[in-house]
């Protein structure tokens, strides 16, 4: 029973870490989007990769 409880505890820790990293990624993506929009507003070139993804 102790090993089962230990595994549950470890699973809980990894689940919490995953949630933290997911939230951190979301914040980073939002910040990146702000900087991307600011760069494009100031005349930065749009990469070819981004241009081919946009609808025609």
C-alpha atoms as a PDB file:
ATOM      1  CA  UNK A   1       0.000   0.000   0.000  1.00  0.00           C
ATOM      2  CA  UNK A   2       2.856   2.363   0.719  1.00  0.00           C
ATOM      3  CA  UNK A   3       4.235   1.947  -2.792  1.00  0.00           C
ATOM      4  CA  UNK A   4       0.806   2.734  -4.254  1.00  0.00           C
ATOM      5  CA  UNK A   5       0.585   5.886  -2.129  1.00  0.00           C
ATOM      6  CA  UNK A   6       4.113   6.851  -3.160  1.00  0.00           C
ATOM      7  CA  UNK A   7       3.220   6.493  -6.838  1.00  0.00           C
ATOM      8  CA  UNK A   8       0.059   8.528  -6.336  1.00  0.00           C
ATOM      9  CA  UNK A   9       2.095  11.261  -4.686  1.00  0.00           C
ATOM     10  CA  UNK A  10       4.623  11.262  -7.503  1.00  0.00           C
ATOM     11  CA  UNK A  11       1.823  11.357 -10.074  1.00  0.00           C
ATOM     12  CA  UNK A  12       0.291  14.340  -8.273  1.00  0.00           C
ATOM     13  CA  UNK A  13       3.636  16.175  -8.331  1.00  0.00           C
ATOM     14  CA  UNK A  14       4.054  15.552 -12.076  1.00  0.00           C
ATOM     15  CA  UNK A  15       0.467  16.616 -12.741  1.00  0.00           C
ATOM     16  CA  UNK A  16       1.039  19.887 -10.860  1.00  0.00           C
ATOM     17  CA  UNK A  17       4.315  20.463 -12.732  1.00  0.00           C
ATOM     18  CA  UNK A  18       2.566  19.838 -16.043  1.00  0.00           C
ATOM     19  CA  UNK A  19      -0.120  22.376 -15.136  1.00  0.00           C
ATOM     20  CA  UNK A  20       2.549  24.936 -14.192  1.00  0.00           C
ATOM     21  CA  UNK A  21       4.410  24.420 -17.452  1.00  0.00           C
ATOM     22  CA  UNK A  22       1.198  24.626 -19.479  1.00  0.00           C
ATOM     23  CA  UNK A  23       0.355  27.958 -17.836  1.00  0.00           C
ATOM     24  CA  UNK A  24       3.908  29.210 -18.408  1.00  0.00           C
ATOM     25  CA  UNK A  25       3.709  28.228 -22.076  1.00  0.00           C
ATOM     26  CA  UNK A  26       0.401  30.077 -22.470  1.00  0.00           C
ATOM     27  CA  UNK A  27       1.919  33.228 -20.931  1.00  0.00           C
ATOM     28  CA  UNK A  28       4.968  32.947 -23.191  1.00  0.00           C
ATOM     29  CA  UNK A  29       2.777  32.543 -26.271  1.00  0.00           C
ATOM     30  CA  UNK A  30       0.747  35.613 -25.328  1.00  0.00           C
ATOM     31  CA  UNK A  31       3.902  37.666 -24.826  1.00  0.00           C
ATOM     32  CA  UNK A  32       5.321  36.441 -28.123  1.00  0.00           C
ATOM     33  CA  UNK A  33       2.116  37.472 -29.892  1.00  0.00           C
ATOM     34  CA  UNK A  34       2.350  40.982 -28.398  1.00  0.00           C
ATOM     35  CA  UNK A  35       5.933  41.371 -29.611  1.00  0.00           C
ATOM     36  CA  UNK A  36       5.081  39.883 -33.013  1.00  0.00           C
ATOM     37  CA  UNK A  37       2.262  42.354 -33.532  1.00  0.00           C
ATOM     38  CA  UNK A  38       4.444  45.240 -32.379  1.00  0.00           C
ATOM     39  CA  UNK A  39       7.188  44.225 -34.815  1.00  0.00           C
ATOM     40  CA  UNK A  40       4.762  43.939 -37.736  1.00  0.00           C
ATOM     41  CA  UNK A  41       3.203  47.309 -36.840  1.00  0.00           C
ATOM     42  CA  UNK A  42       6.678  48.834 -37.126  1.00  0.00           C
ATOM     43  CA  UNK A  43       7.243  47.365 -40.565  1.00  0.00           C
ATOM     44  CA  UNK A  44       9.032  44.090 -39.866  1.00  0.00           C
ATOM     45  CA  UNK A  45       8.940  41.619 -42.744  1.00  0.00           C
ATOM     46  CA  UNK A  46       6.527  38.730 -42.428  1.00  0.00           C
ATOM     47  CA  UNK A  47       8.451  35.442 -42.730  1.00  0.00           C
ATOM     48  CA  UNK A  48       7.686  33.333 -45.819  1.00  0.00           C
ATOM     49  CA  UNK A  49       6.565  30.492 -43.561  1.00  0.00           C
ATOM     50  CA  UNK A  50       3.871  32.725 -42.054  1.00  0.00           C
ATOM     51  CA  UNK A  51       2.786  34.009 -45.468  1.00  0.00           C
ATOM     52  CA  UNK A  52       2.113  30.551 -46.877  1.00  0.00           C
ATOM     53  CA  UNK A  53      -0.035  29.647 -43.845  1.00  0.00           C
ATOM     54  CA  UNK A  54      -2.319  32.629 -44.286  1.00  0.00           C
ATOM     55  CA  UNK A  55      -5.486  32.215 -46.385  1.00  0.00           C
ATOM     56  CA  UNK A  56      -5.361  33.688 -49.895  1.00  0.00           C
END
